Amino acid sequence: MAQLHEVRLVDDLDGRPADETVSFHCDGSYYEIDLSSEHARQLREALAPFIAAARPTAPGNREASALTRQQRAAREHNQSVRDWARRRNVHINRRGRIPEQIKRGYDDEAAVSGPVRSEAVMSESVMSESVMSESVSEGRL
């Protein structure tokens, strides 16, 4: 037996039949509204002066860069935890989920002595400090 599913758009403003769904984005939130042709025209006309004065941006640019910062911070934290565990001769895989017991040990020590920096971050820091001290001693800075 064949079935027919019919979708009817209803104008979200007045409950009458709608002709289209309009999507828009404002202040970090995405919206959709079903509107009649007349209400869609009114919305576009109301937004027109703001759109004309606005700068175009790439979609999702800010969200993507924020997510990248979060991912980078999570990776650096995980690397610090793994380095901490290896310095204590605790077996830990190079990839994958870090066991909660190891995370707690790292967090407990970090709470007492401050954040434990990863060896990669420490060696990068030491290298940049030595370059800076060379530059100072040679009068470049």
Foldseek 3Di string as FASTA:
>chain_A
DDDDDDDWFAFPPPRHGFDDWDWDDDPHDIDITTHHPVVVVVVCVVCVVVVVPDDDDDPCPVVVVVVVVVVVVVVQLVLQLVQVCVVVVHDDDPDDDDDPVSVVVQVVVCVVVNHRGHPVVVVVVVVVVVVVVVCVVVVVD
